[in-house]
Amino acid sequence: MRAAAGDEIEGHPVYAAILQLYEANLEALDGRFEEARARAEASRAPMEEFGRRILLGSQRRYAGQIELLAGDAAAAEGLLRDGFRTLREFGERGNAASVAADLARTLHVLGRDSEAEAMAAAASDLGSPDDIEVQVFSRLVRAGARGAAGAVDEAVAISREAVDIAERTDASTMRGDALLELGRVLRGAGSDGDADDAARRALELYEAKGNRVGAAAAREFLASPEVSLR
Protein backbone atom coordinates (compact mmCIF):
# COMPACT_ATOMS: atom_id res chain seq x y z
CA MET A 1 0.00 0.00 0.00
CA ARG A 2 1.30 3.43 -0.92
CA ALA A 3 1.91 5.66 2.11
CA ALA A 4 -0.13 8.83 2.42
CA ALA A 5 1.63 12.09 1.61
CA GLY A 6 1.64 13.08 5.27
CA ASP A 7 3.25 9.76 6.22
CA GLU A 8 5.95 10.30 3.60
CA ILE A 9 6.74 13.72 5.01
CA GLU A 10 6.78 12.53 8.61
CA GLY A 11 9.06 9.64 7.66
CA HIS A 12 11.59 11.86 5.91
CA PRO A 13 14.94 12.27 7.72
CA VAL A 14 14.77 16.06 7.40
CA TYR A 15 11.39 16.11 9.16
CA ALA A 16 12.89 14.03 11.97
CA ALA A 17 15.85 16.43 12.12
CA ILE A 18 13.53 19.44 12.50
CA LEU A 19 11.77 17.68 15.38
CA GLN A 20 15.17 17.06 16.96
CA LEU A 21 15.90 20.79 16.83
CA TYR A 22 12.66 21.66 18.61
CA GLU A 23 13.34 19.03 21.25
CA ALA A 24 16.91 20.33 21.65
CA ASN A 25 15.56 23.81 22.28
CA LEU A 26 13.24 22.52 25.00
CA GLU A 27 16.09 20.61 26.63
CA ALA A 28 18.21 23.76 26.65
CA LEU A 29 15.42 25.77 28.29
CA ASP A 30 15.34 23.06 30.94
CA GLY A 31 19.08 23.47 31.51
CA ARG A 32 20.04 20.10 29.97
CA PHE A 33 22.69 21.54 27.70
CA GLU A 34 24.73 18.46 26.86
CA GLU A 35 21.62 16.60 25.73
CA ALA A 36 20.50 19.65 23.77
CA ARG A 37 23.87 19.99 22.05
CA ALA A 38 23.94 16.32 21.11
CA ARG A 39 20.42 16.40 19.69
CA ALA A 40 21.10 19.59 17.71
CA GLU A 41 24.32 18.16 16.29
CA ALA A 42 22.53 14.96 15.27
CA SER A 43 20.11 17.04 13.22
CA ARG A 44 22.88 18.50 11.09
CA ALA A 45 23.87 15.45 9.02
CA PRO A 46 20.42 14.81 7.46
CA MET A 47 20.18 18.43 6.40
CA GLU A 48 23.60 18.31 4.77
CA GLU A 49 22.96 14.92 3.16
CA PHE A 50 19.73 16.02 1.52
CA GLY A 51 21.13 19.34 0.35
CA ARG A 52 18.91 21.50 2.52
CA ARG A 53 21.43 24.27 3.03
CA ILE A 54 18.74 26.79 3.90
CA LEU A 55 17.52 24.45 6.64
CA LEU A 56 21.12 23.98 7.71
CA GLY A 57 21.35 27.74 8.19
CA SER A 58 18.38 27.59 10.51
CA GLN A 59 19.93 24.60 12.29
CA ARG A 60 22.91 26.76 13.18
CA ARG A 61 20.47 29.24 14.72
CA TYR A 62 19.07 26.63 17.09
CA ALA A 63 22.55 25.41 17.94
CA GLY A 64 23.57 29.00 18.64
CA GLN A 65 20.56 29.56 20.87
CA ILE A 66 21.55 26.52 22.91
CA GLU A 67 25.06 27.92 23.46
CA LEU A 68 23.64 31.31 24.39
CA LEU A 69 21.35 29.71 26.97
CA ALA A 70 24.31 27.70 28.25
CA GLY A 71 26.30 30.90 28.77
CA ASP A 72 28.84 30.34 25.98
CA ALA A 73 28.28 33.47 23.92
CA ALA A 74 31.53 33.04 21.98
CA ALA A 75 30.42 29.61 20.71
CA ALA A 76 26.97 31.03 19.97
CA GLU A 77 28.48 33.80 17.86
CA GLY A 78 30.34 31.36 15.62
CA LEU A 79 27.28 29.20 15.02
CA LEU A 80 24.98 32.14 14.37
CA ARG A 81 27.40 33.84 11.98
CA ASP A 82 27.67 30.59 10.05
CA GLY A 83 23.88 30.33 9.85
CA PHE A 84 23.47 33.96 8.84
CA ARG A 85 26.09 33.69 6.11
CA THR A 86 24.53 30.50 4.73
CA LEU A 87 21.05 31.99 4.56
CA ARG A 88 22.19 35.23 2.97
CA GLU A 89 24.16 33.32 0.32
CA PHE A 90 20.80 32.01 -0.87
CA GLY A 91 19.21 35.44 -0.72
CA GLU A 92 16.96 34.31 2.13
CA ARG A 93 15.53 37.11 4.25
CA GLY A 94 12.94 35.94 6.78
CA ASN A 95 14.96 33.25 8.54
CA ALA A 96 18.11 35.33 8.10
CA ALA A 97 16.41 38.15 10.01
CA SER A 98 15.70 35.80 12.93
CA VAL A 99 19.30 34.61 12.98
CA ALA A 100 20.52 38.21 12.82
CA ALA A 101 18.36 39.11 15.83
CA ASP A 102 19.87 36.24 17.83
CA LEU A 103 23.36 37.24 16.71
CA ALA A 104 22.69 40.80 17.81
CA ARG A 105 21.67 39.55 21.27
CA THR A 106 24.85 37.49 21.43
CA LEU A 107 27.06 40.44 20.50
CA HIS A 108 25.38 42.51 23.22
CA VAL A 109 26.14 39.80 25.79
CA LEU A 110 29.77 39.89 24.58
CA GLY A 111 29.86 43.66 25.21
CA ARG A 112 30.25 44.60 21.53
CA ASP A 113 27.35 46.98 21.44
CA SER A 114 28.14 48.91 18.27
CA GLU A 115 28.21 45.61 16.37
CA ALA A 116 25.10 44.47 18.22
CA GLU A 117 23.13 47.57 17.21
CA ALA A 118 24.26 47.23 13.60
CA MET A 119 23.15 43.60 13.51
CA ALA A 120 19.84 44.50 15.17
CA ALA A 121 19.30 47.07 12.41
CA ALA A 122 20.09 44.41 9.80
CA ALA A 123 17.53 42.09 11.41
CA SER A 124 14.88 44.81 11.24
CA ASP A 125 15.71 45.58 7.62
CA LEU A 126 15.59 41.93 6.54
CA GLY A 127 12.54 40.98 8.56
CA SER A 128 8.90 41.71 7.94
CA PRO A 129 7.20 44.36 10.09
CA ASP A 130 4.83 41.55 11.02
CA ASP A 131 7.62 39.33 12.34
CA ILE A 132 7.04 39.94 16.02
CA GLU A 133 10.03 37.96 17.22
CA VAL A 134 12.45 40.01 15.12
CA GLN A 135 10.77 43.27 16.09
CA VAL A 136 10.93 42.42 19.80
CA PHE A 137 14.48 41.13 19.99
CA SER A 138 15.99 43.81 17.77
CA ARG A 139 14.47 46.40 20.12
CA LEU A 140 15.75 44.60 23.21
CA VAL A 141 19.28 44.70 21.82
CA ARG A 142 19.00 48.41 21.08
CA ALA A 143 17.59 49.02 24.55
CA GLY A 144 20.40 47.14 26.25
CA ALA A 145 23.03 48.90 24.17
CA ARG A 146 21.51 52.33 24.80
CA GLY A 147 21.30 51.59 28.52
CA ALA A 148 24.93 50.46 28.65
CA ALA A 149 25.87 53.73 26.92
CA GLY A 150 24.06 55.74 29.60
CA ALA A 151 21.04 56.73 27.48
CA VAL A 152 18.68 55.29 30.08
CA ASP A 153 15.52 57.18 29.10
CA GLU A 154 15.86 56.00 25.52
CA ALA A 155 16.58 52.47 26.72
CA VAL A 156 13.45 52.41 28.87
CA ALA A 157 11.27 53.71 26.03
CA ILE A 158 12.59 51.11 23.58
CA SER A 159 12.20 48.31 26.13
CA ARG A 160 8.60 49.29 26.77
CA GLU A 161 7.96 49.16 23.01
CA ALA A 162 9.37 45.63 22.95
CA VAL A 163 7.21 44.55 25.90
CA ASP A 164 4.10 46.02 24.29
CA ILE A 165 4.76 44.09 21.06
CA ALA A 166 5.60 40.85 22.88
CA GLU A 167 2.45 41.05 24.98
CA ARG A 168 0.34 40.70 21.83
CA THR A 169 1.45 37.06 21.69
CA ASP A 170 1.21 33.98 23.89
CA ALA A 171 4.97 33.34 23.57
CA SER A 172 5.84 33.10 27.25
CA THR A 173 9.61 32.99 26.87
CA MET A 174 9.75 35.97 24.52
CA ARG A 175 7.44 37.95 26.83
CA GLY A 176 9.62 37.00 29.79
CA ASP A 177 12.78 38.04 27.95
CA ALA A 178 11.24 41.41 27.12
CA LEU A 179 10.14 42.01 30.69
CA LEU A 180 13.48 40.99 32.15
CA GLU A 181 15.32 43.36 29.80
CA LEU A 182 12.88 46.09 30.80
CA GLY A 183 13.75 45.31 34.41
CA ARG A 184 17.45 45.72 33.67
CA VAL A 185 17.09 49.10 32.03
CA LEU A 186 14.65 50.30 34.70
CA ARG A 187 17.18 49.39 37.36
CA GLY A 188 19.81 51.29 35.40
CA ALA A 189 17.44 54.26 35.44
CA GLY A 190 17.08 54.00 39.21
CA SER A 191 13.49 52.70 39.15
CA ASP A 192 14.15 49.70 41.37
CA GLY A 193 10.54 49.03 42.33
CA ASP A 194 9.33 48.98 38.73
CA ALA A 195 12.37 46.92 37.76
CA ASP A 196 11.52 44.25 40.33
CA ASP A 197 7.89 44.23 39.23
CA ALA A 198 8.94 43.57 35.64
CA ALA A 199 11.32 40.80 36.72
CA ARG A 200 8.66 39.13 38.87
CA ARG A 201 6.28 39.12 35.89
CA ALA A 202 9.05 37.60 33.79
CA LEU A 203 9.64 34.94 36.44
CA GLU A 204 5.97 33.97 36.41
CA LEU A 205 6.04 33.56 32.64
CA TYR A 206 9.24 31.52 32.68
CA GLU A 207 7.92 29.23 35.39
CA ALA A 208 4.62 28.72 33.56
CA LYS A 209 6.58 27.74 30.43
CA GLY A 210 8.96 25.47 32.31
CA ASN A 211 11.90 27.63 31.25
CA ARG A 212 14.33 26.92 34.08
CA VAL A 213 17.15 28.96 32.55
CA GLY A 214 15.03 32.08 32.24
CA ALA A 215 13.55 31.57 35.70
CA ALA A 216 17.04 31.31 37.20
CA ALA A 217 18.08 34.53 35.47
CA ALA A 218 15.00 36.33 36.81
CA ARG A 219 15.62 35.07 40.35
CA GLU A 220 19.26 36.13 40.14
CA PHE A 221 18.18 39.59 39.04
CA LEU A 222 15.70 39.89 41.92
CA ALA A 223 18.30 38.71 44.42
CA SER A 224 20.98 41.14 43.30
CA PRO A 225 20.82 44.91 43.82
CA GLU A 226 23.58 45.50 41.28
CA VAL A 227 22.87 47.04 37.89
CA SER A 228 23.75 44.75 34.97
CA LEU A 229 22.76 45.52 31.40
CA ARG A 230 24.21 42.27 29.95
C-alpha atoms as a PDB file:
ATOM      1  CA  MET A   1       0.000   0.000   0.000  1.00  0.00           C
ATOM      2  CA  ARG A   2       1.300   3.431  -0.921  1.00  0.00           C
ATOM      3  CA  ALA A   3       1.911   5.658   2.106  1.00  0.00           C
ATOM      4  CA  ALA A   4      -0.132   8.827   2.420  1.00  0.00           C
ATOM      5  CA  ALA A   5       1.635  12.094   1.615  1.00  0.00           C
ATOM      6  CA  GLY A   6       1.639  13.082   5.274  1.00  0.00           C
ATOM      7  CA  ASP A   7       3.246   9.760   6.220  1.00  0.00           C
ATOM      8  CA  GLU A   8       5.948  10.298   3.598  1.00  0.00           C
ATOM      9  CA  ILE A   9       6.736  13.721   5.007  1.00  0.00           C
ATOM     10  CA  GLU A  10       6.775  12.531   8.606  1.00  0.00           C
ATOM     11  CA  GLY A  11       9.055   9.642   7.664  1.00  0.00           C
ATOM     12  CA  HIS A  12      11.587  11.857   5.912  1.00  0.00           C
ATOM     13  CA  PRO A  13      14.943  12.271   7.723  1.00  0.00           C
ATOM     14  CA  VAL A  14      14.767  16.063   7.397  1.00  0.00           C
ATOM     15  CA  TYR A  15      11.394  16.106   9.156  1.00  0.00           C
ATOM     16  CA  ALA A  16      12.894  14.034  11.970  1.00  0.00           C
ATOM     17  CA  ALA A  17      15.850  16.430  12.117  1.00  0.00           C
ATOM     18  CA  ILE A  18      13.530  19.436  12.505  1.00  0.00           C
ATOM     19  CA  LEU A  19      11.770  17.683  15.383  1.00  0.00           C
ATOM     20  CA  GLN A  20      15.170  17.056  16.964  1.00  0.00           C
ATOM     21  CA  LEU A  21      15.900  20.789  16.834  1.00  0.00           C
ATOM     22  CA  TYR A  22      12.659  21.662  18.606  1.00  0.00           C
ATOM     23  CA  GLU A  23      13.343  19.025  21.249  1.00  0.00           C
ATOM     24  CA  ALA A  24      16.907  20.325  21.651  1.00  0.00           C
ATOM     25  CA  ASN A  25      15.562  23.812  22.285  1.00  0.00           C
ATOM     26  CA  LEU A  26      13.235  22.516  24.996  1.00  0.00           C
ATOM     27  CA  GLU A  27      16.089  20.608  26.633  1.00  0.00           C
ATOM     28  CA  ALA A  28      18.210  23.761  26.654  1.00  0.00           C
ATOM     29  CA  LEU A  29      15.417  25.772  28.286  1.00  0.00           C
ATOM     30  CA  ASP A  30      15.336  23.062  30.943  1.00  0.00           C
ATOM     31  CA  GLY A  31      19.084  23.468  31.505  1.00  0.00           C
ATOM     32  CA  ARG A  32      20.043  20.103  29.969  1.00  0.00           C
ATOM     33  CA  PHE A  33      22.692  21.545  27.704  1.00  0.00           C
ATOM     34  CA  GLU A  34      24.726  18.460  26.859  1.00  0.00           C
ATOM     35  CA  GLU A  35      21.617  16.597  25.728  1.00  0.00           C
ATOM     36  CA  ALA A  36      20.503  19.649  23.765  1.00  0.00           C
ATOM     37  CA  ARG A  37      23.873  19.987  22.050  1.00  0.00           C
ATOM     38  CA  ALA A  38      23.943  16.317  21.110  1.00  0.00           C
ATOM     39  CA  ARG A  39      20.422  16.404  19.690  1.00  0.00           C
ATOM     40  CA  ALA A  40      21.102  19.587  17.712  1.00  0.00           C
ATOM     41  CA  GLU A  41      24.316  18.163  16.291  1.00  0.00           C
ATOM     42  CA  ALA A  42      22.526  14.959  15.273  1.00  0.00           C
ATOM     43  CA  SER A  43      20.110  17.042  13.215  1.00  0.00           C
ATOM     44  CA  ARG A  44      22.882  18.501  11.090  1.00  0.00           C
ATOM     45  CA  ALA A  45      23.866  15.449   9.021  1.00  0.00           C
ATOM     46  CA  PRO A  46      20.418  14.810   7.464  1.00  0.00           C
ATOM     47  CA  MET A  47      20.178  18.426   6.395  1.00  0.00           C
ATOM     48  CA  GLU A  48      23.603  18.315   4.767  1.00  0.00           C
ATOM     49  CA  GLU A  49      22.956  14.923   3.162  1.00  0.00           C
ATOM     50  CA  PHE A  50      19.733  16.015   1.521  1.00  0.00           C
ATOM     51  CA  GLY A  51      21.131  19.335   0.355  1.00  0.00           C
ATOM     52  CA  ARG A  52      18.910  21.499   2.520  1.00  0.00           C
ATOM     53  CA  ARG A  53      21.430  24.267   3.033  1.00  0.00           C
ATOM     54  CA  ILE A  54      18.736  26.786   3.898  1.00  0.00           C
ATOM     55  CA  LEU A  55      17.516  24.448   6.642  1.00  0.00           C
ATOM     56  CA  LEU A  56      21.120  23.981   7.709  1.00  0.00           C
ATOM     57  CA  GLY A  57      21.354  27.742   8.188  1.00  0.00           C
ATOM     58  CA  SER A  58      18.382  27.593  10.511  1.00  0.00           C
ATOM     59  CA  GLN A  59      19.925  24.604  12.288  1.00  0.00           C
ATOM     60  CA  ARG A  60      22.911  26.759  13.180  1.00  0.00           C
ATOM     61  CA  ARG A  61      20.473  29.239  14.718  1.00  0.00           C
ATOM     62  CA  TYR A  62      19.075  26.629  17.095  1.00  0.00           C
ATOM     63  CA  ALA A  63      22.554  25.407  17.938  1.00  0.00           C
ATOM     64  CA  GLY A  64      23.571  28.995  18.639  1.00  0.00           C
ATOM     65  CA  GLN A  65      20.557  29.562  20.869  1.00  0.00           C
ATOM     66  CA  ILE A  66      21.554  26.523  22.913  1.00  0.00           C
ATOM     67  CA  GLU A  67      25.056  27.916  23.461  1.00  0.00           C
ATOM     68  CA  LEU A  68      23.643  31.312  24.393  1.00  0.00           C
ATOM     69  CA  LEU A  69      21.346  29.705  26.973  1.00  0.00           C
ATOM     70  CA  ALA A  70      24.310  27.698  28.252  1.00  0.00           C
ATOM     71  CA  GLY A  71      26.298  30.898  28.770  1.00  0.00           C
ATOM     72  CA  ASP A  72      28.844  30.343  25.983  1.00  0.00           C
ATOM     73  CA  ALA A  73      28.279  33.466  23.923  1.00  0.00           C
ATOM     74  CA  ALA A  74      31.531  33.037  21.982  1.00  0.00           C
ATOM     75  CA  ALA A  75      30.418  29.615  20.711  1.00  0.00           C
ATOM     76  CA  ALA A  76      26.969  31.025  19.966  1.00  0.00           C
ATOM     77  CA  GLU A  77      28.481  33.803  17.859  1.00  0.00           C
ATOM     78  CA  GLY A  78      30.341  31.359  15.625  1.00  0.00           C
ATOM     79  CA  LEU A  79      27.283  29.203  15.021  1.00  0.00           C
ATOM     80  CA  LEU A  80      24.977  32.141  14.374  1.00  0.00           C
ATOM     81  CA  ARG A  81      27.403  33.839  11.983  1.00  0.00           C
ATOM     82  CA  ASP A  82      27.668  30.585  10.049  1.00  0.00           C
ATOM     83  CA  GLY A  83      23.883  30.327   9.849  1.00  0.00           C
ATOM     84  CA  PHE A  84      23.465  33.959   8.838  1.00  0.00           C
ATOM     85  CA  ARG A  85      26.088  33.692   6.111  1.00  0.00           C
ATOM     86  CA  THR A  86      24.529  30.502   4.728  1.00  0.00           C
ATOM     87  CA  LEU A  87      21.055  31.986   4.557  1.00  0.00           C
ATOM     88  CA  ARG A  88      22.194  35.228   2.965  1.00  0.00           C
ATOM     89  CA  GLU A  89      24.163  33.318   0.319  1.00  0.00           C
ATOM     90  CA  PHE A  90      20.797  32.008  -0.869  1.00  0.00           C
ATOM     91  CA  GLY A  91      19.205  35.440  -0.725  1.00  0.00           C
ATOM     92  CA  GLU A  92      16.963  34.309   2.135  1.00  0.00           C
ATOM     93  CA  ARG A  93      15.532  37.110   4.248  1.00  0.00           C
ATOM     94  CA  GLY A  94      12.941  35.945   6.781  1.00  0.00           C
ATOM     95  CA  ASN A  95      14.963  33.248   8.537  1.00  0.00           C
ATOM     96  CA  ALA A  96      18.113  35.335   8.103  1.00  0.00           C
ATOM     97  CA  ALA A  97      16.406  38.150  10.015  1.00  0.00           C
ATOM     98  CA  SER A  98      15.696  35.805  12.926  1.00  0.00           C
ATOM     99  CA  VAL A  99      19.302  34.605  12.985  1.00  0.00           C
ATOM    100  CA  ALA A 100      20.521  38.210  12.823  1.00  0.00           C
ATOM    101  CA  ALA A 101      18.360  39.114  15.828  1.00  0.00           C
ATOM    102  CA  ASP A 102      19.868  36.241  17.831  1.00  0.00           C
ATOM    103  CA  LEU A 103      23.361  37.236  16.711  1.00  0.00           C
ATOM    104  CA  ALA A 104      22.694  40.802  17.815  1.00  0.00           C
ATOM    105  CA  ARG A 105      21.667  39.552  21.266  1.00  0.00           C
ATOM    106  CA  THR A 106      24.855  37.490  21.433  1.00  0.00           C
ATOM    107  CA  LEU A 107      27.061  40.444  20.500  1.00  0.00           C
ATOM    108  CA  HIS A 108      25.383  42.505  23.217  1.00  0.00           C
ATOM    109  CA  VAL A 109      26.144  39.797  25.789  1.00  0.00           C
ATOM    110  CA  LEU A 110      29.768  39.893  24.583  1.00  0.00           C
ATOM    111  CA  GLY A 111      29.859  43.655  25.213  1.00  0.00           C
ATOM    112  CA  ARG A 112      30.246  44.599  21.530  1.00  0.00           C
ATOM    113  CA  ASP A 113      27.345  46.978  21.444  1.00  0.00           C
ATOM    114  CA  SER A 114      28.139  48.910  18.269  1.00  0.00           C
ATOM    115  CA  GLU A 115      28.206  45.608  16.369  1.00  0.00           C
ATOM    116  CA  ALA A 116      25.098  44.473  18.221  1.00  0.00           C
ATOM    117  CA  GLU A 117      23.135  47.569  17.215  1.00  0.00           C
ATOM    118  CA  ALA A 118      24.265  47.232  13.598  1.00  0.00           C
ATOM    119  CA  MET A 119      23.151  43.599  13.513  1.00  0.00           C
ATOM    120  CA  ALA A 120      19.840  44.498  15.168  1.00  0.00           C
ATOM    121  CA  ALA A 121      19.300  47.067  12.414  1.00  0.00           C
ATOM    122  CA  ALA A 122      20.094  44.408   9.800  1.00  0.00           C
ATOM    123  CA  ALA A 123      17.529  42.093  11.411  1.00  0.00           C
ATOM    124  CA  SER A 124      14.884  44.807  11.240  1.00  0.00           C
ATOM    125  CA  ASP A 125      15.707  45.584   7.616  1.00  0.00           C
ATOM    126  CA  LEU A 126      15.585  41.934   6.540  1.00  0.00           C
ATOM    127  CA  GLY A 127      12.539  40.985   8.560  1.00  0.00           C
ATOM    128  CA  SER A 128       8.904  41.713   7.941  1.00  0.00           C
ATOM    129  CA  PRO A 129       7.202  44.363  10.094  1.00  0.00           C
ATOM    130  CA  ASP A 130       4.827  41.545  11.023  1.00  0.00           C
ATOM    131  CA  ASP A 131       7.623  39.327  12.339  1.00  0.00           C
ATOM    132  CA  ILE A 132       7.037  39.943  16.024  1.00  0.00           C
ATOM    133  CA  GLU A 133      10.026  37.955  17.216  1.00  0.00           C
ATOM    134  CA  VAL A 134      12.448  40.007  15.124  1.00  0.00           C
ATOM    135  CA  GLN A 135      10.767  43.270  16.086  1.00  0.00           C
ATOM    136  CA  VAL A 136      10.930  42.420  19.801  1.00  0.00           C
ATOM    137  CA  PHE A 137      14.485  41.125  19.987  1.00  0.00           C
ATOM    138  CA  SER A 138      15.992  43.814  17.773  1.00  0.00           C
ATOM    139  CA  ARG A 139      14.468  46.395  20.121  1.00  0.00           C
ATOM    140  CA  LEU A 140      15.751  44.599  23.209  1.00  0.00           C
ATOM    141  CA  VAL A 141      19.282  44.699  21.825  1.00  0.00           C
ATOM    142  CA  ARG A 142      18.995  48.405  21.081  1.00  0.00           C
ATOM    143  CA  ALA A 143      17.585  49.017  24.555  1.00  0.00           C
ATOM    144  CA  GLY A 144      20.402  47.139  26.249  1.00  0.00           C
ATOM    145  CA  ALA A 145      23.032  48.897  24.168  1.00  0.00           C
ATOM    146  CA  ARG A 146      21.511  52.325  24.800  1.00  0.00           C
ATOM    147  CA  GLY A 147      21.305  51.586  28.515  1.00  0.00           C
ATOM    148  CA  ALA A 148      24.930  50.461  28.650  1.00  0.00           C
ATOM    149  CA  ALA A 149      25.873  53.734  26.915  1.00  0.00           C
ATOM    150  CA  GLY A 150      24.058  55.737  29.599  1.00  0.00           C
ATOM    151  CA  ALA A 151      21.036  56.727  27.481  1.00  0.00           C
ATOM    152  CA  VAL A 152      18.675  55.292  30.079  1.00  0.00           C
ATOM    153  CA  ASP A 153      15.521  57.185  29.101  1.00  0.00           C
ATOM    154  CA  GLU A 154      15.859  56.005  25.516  1.00  0.00           C
ATOM    155  CA  ALA A 155      16.579  52.469  26.722  1.00  0.00           C
ATOM    156  CA  VAL A 156      13.448  52.406  28.874  1.00  0.00           C
ATOM    157  CA  ALA A 157      11.274  53.712  26.033  1.00  0.00           C
ATOM    158  CA  ILE A 158      12.594  51.114  23.578  1.00  0.00           C
ATOM    159  CA  SER A 159      12.199  48.314  26.134  1.00  0.00           C
ATOM    160  CA  ARG A 160       8.600  49.289  26.766  1.00  0.00           C
ATOM    161  CA  GLU A 161       7.960  49.161  23.013  1.00  0.00           C
ATOM    162  CA  ALA A 162       9.372  45.626  22.950  1.00  0.00           C
ATOM    163  CA  VAL A 163       7.210  44.549  25.898  1.00  0.00           C
ATOM    164  CA  ASP A 164       4.095  46.024  24.286  1.00  0.00           C
ATOM    165  CA  ILE A 165       4.757  44.089  21.063  1.00  0.00           C
ATOM    166  CA  ALA A 166       5.598  40.849  22.879  1.00  0.00           C
ATOM    167  CA  GLU A 167       2.451  41.050  24.984  1.00  0.00           C
ATOM    168  CA  ARG A 168       0.343  40.702  21.826  1.00  0.00           C
ATOM    169  CA  THR A 169       1.447  37.060  21.688  1.00  0.00           C
ATOM    170  CA  ASP A 170       1.210  33.984  23.890  1.00  0.00           C
ATOM    171  CA  ALA A 171       4.974  33.344  23.569  1.00  0.00           C
ATOM    172  CA  SER A 172       5.841  33.098  27.250  1.00  0.00           C
ATOM    173  CA  THR A 173       9.608  32.989  26.868  1.00  0.00           C
ATOM    174  CA  MET A 174       9.746  35.973  24.521  1.00  0.00           C
ATOM    175  CA  ARG A 175       7.442  37.946  26.830  1.00  0.00           C
ATOM    176  CA  GLY A 176       9.617  37.002  29.786  1.00  0.00           C
ATOM    177  CA  ASP A 177      12.781  38.042  27.949  1.00  0.00           C
ATOM    178  CA  ALA A 178      11.244  41.405  27.115  1.00  0.00           C
ATOM    179  CA  LEU A 179      10.136  42.010  30.689  1.00  0.00           C
ATOM    180  CA  LEU A 180      13.484  40.992  32.147  1.00  0.00           C
ATOM    181  CA  GLU A 181      15.322  43.359  29.799  1.00  0.00           C
ATOM    182  CA  LEU A 182      12.884  46.093  30.798  1.00  0.00           C
ATOM    183  CA  GLY A 183      13.749  45.313  34.410  1.00  0.00           C
ATOM    184  CA  ARG A 184      17.451  45.718  33.668  1.00  0.00           C
ATOM    185  CA  VAL A 185      17.091  49.099  32.026  1.00  0.00           C
ATOM    186  CA  LEU A 186      14.655  50.301  34.697  1.00  0.00           C
ATOM    187  CA  ARG A 187      17.177  49.394  37.363  1.00  0.00           C
ATOM    188  CA  GLY A 188      19.809  51.295  35.397  1.00  0.00           C
ATOM    189  CA  ALA A 189      17.442  54.264  35.440  1.00  0.00           C
ATOM    190  CA  GLY A 190      17.084  53.998  39.215  1.00  0.00           C
ATOM    191  CA  SER A 191      13.487  52.700  39.153  1.00  0.00           C
ATOM    192  CA  ASP A 192      14.154  49.700  41.369  1.00  0.00           C
ATOM    193  CA  GLY A 193      10.540  49.028  42.328  1.00  0.00           C
ATOM    194  CA  ASP A 194       9.328  48.982  38.731  1.00  0.00           C
ATOM    195  CA  ALA A 195      12.369  46.921  37.764  1.00  0.00           C
ATOM    196  CA  ASP A 196      11.522  44.254  40.330  1.00  0.00           C
ATOM    197  CA  ASP A 197       7.889  44.234  39.232  1.00  0.00           C
ATOM    198  CA  ALA A 198       8.939  43.565  35.644  1.00  0.00           C
ATOM    199  CA  ALA A 199      11.320  40.804  36.718  1.00  0.00           C
ATOM    200  CA  ARG A 200       8.655  39.133  38.866  1.00  0.00           C
ATOM    201  CA  ARG A 201       6.280  39.116  35.895  1.00  0.00           C
ATOM    202  CA  ALA A 202       9.052  37.603  33.788  1.00  0.00           C
ATOM    203  CA  LEU A 203       9.645  34.938  36.441  1.00  0.00           C
ATOM    204  CA  GLU A 204       5.971  33.973  36.410  1.00  0.00           C
ATOM    205  CA  LEU A 205       6.041  33.563  32.636  1.00  0.00           C
ATOM    206  CA  TYR A 206       9.235  31.517  32.675  1.00  0.00           C
ATOM    207  CA  GLU A 207       7.923  29.229  35.386  1.00  0.00           C
ATOM    208  CA  ALA A 208       4.623  28.720  33.563  1.00  0.00           C
ATOM    209  CA  LYS A 209       6.578  27.741  30.431  1.00  0.00           C
ATOM    210  CA  GLY A 210       8.958  25.465  32.314  1.00  0.00           C
ATOM    211  CA  ASN A 211      11.901  27.626  31.249  1.00  0.00           C
ATOM    212  CA  ARG A 212      14.335  26.921  34.076  1.00  0.00           C
ATOM    213  CA  VAL A 213      17.153  28.956  32.551  1.00  0.00           C
ATOM    214  CA  GLY A 214      15.028  32.077  32.242  1.00  0.00           C
ATOM    215  CA  ALA A 215      13.550  31.571  35.705  1.00  0.00           C
ATOM    216  CA  ALA A 216      17.036  31.307  37.196  1.00  0.00           C
ATOM    217  CA  ALA A 217      18.079  34.535  35.470  1.00  0.00           C
ATOM    218  CA  ALA A 218      14.995  36.332  36.807  1.00  0.00           C
ATOM    219  CA  ARG A 219      15.623  35.067  40.352  1.00  0.00           C
ATOM    220  CA  GLU A 220      19.263  36.133  40.140  1.00  0.00           C
ATOM    221  CA  PHE A 221      18.179  39.595  39.041  1.00  0.00           C
ATOM    222  CA  LEU A 222      15.696  39.894  41.924  1.00  0.00           C
ATOM    223  CA  ALA A 223      18.298  38.708  44.422  1.00  0.00           C
ATOM    224  CA  SER A 224      20.979  41.144  43.299  1.00  0.00           C
ATOM    225  CA  PRO A 225      20.819  44.909  43.824  1.00  0.00           C
ATOM    226  CA  GLU A 226      23.579  45.500  41.284  1.00  0.00           C
ATOM    227  CA  VAL A 227      22.871  47.038  37.886  1.00  0.00           C
ATOM    228  CA  SER A 228      23.755  44.749  34.966  1.00  0.00           C
ATOM    229  CA  LEU A 229      22.760  45.523  31.399  1.00  0.00           C
ATOM    230  CA  ARG A 230      24.209  42.272  29.955  1.00  0.00           C
END
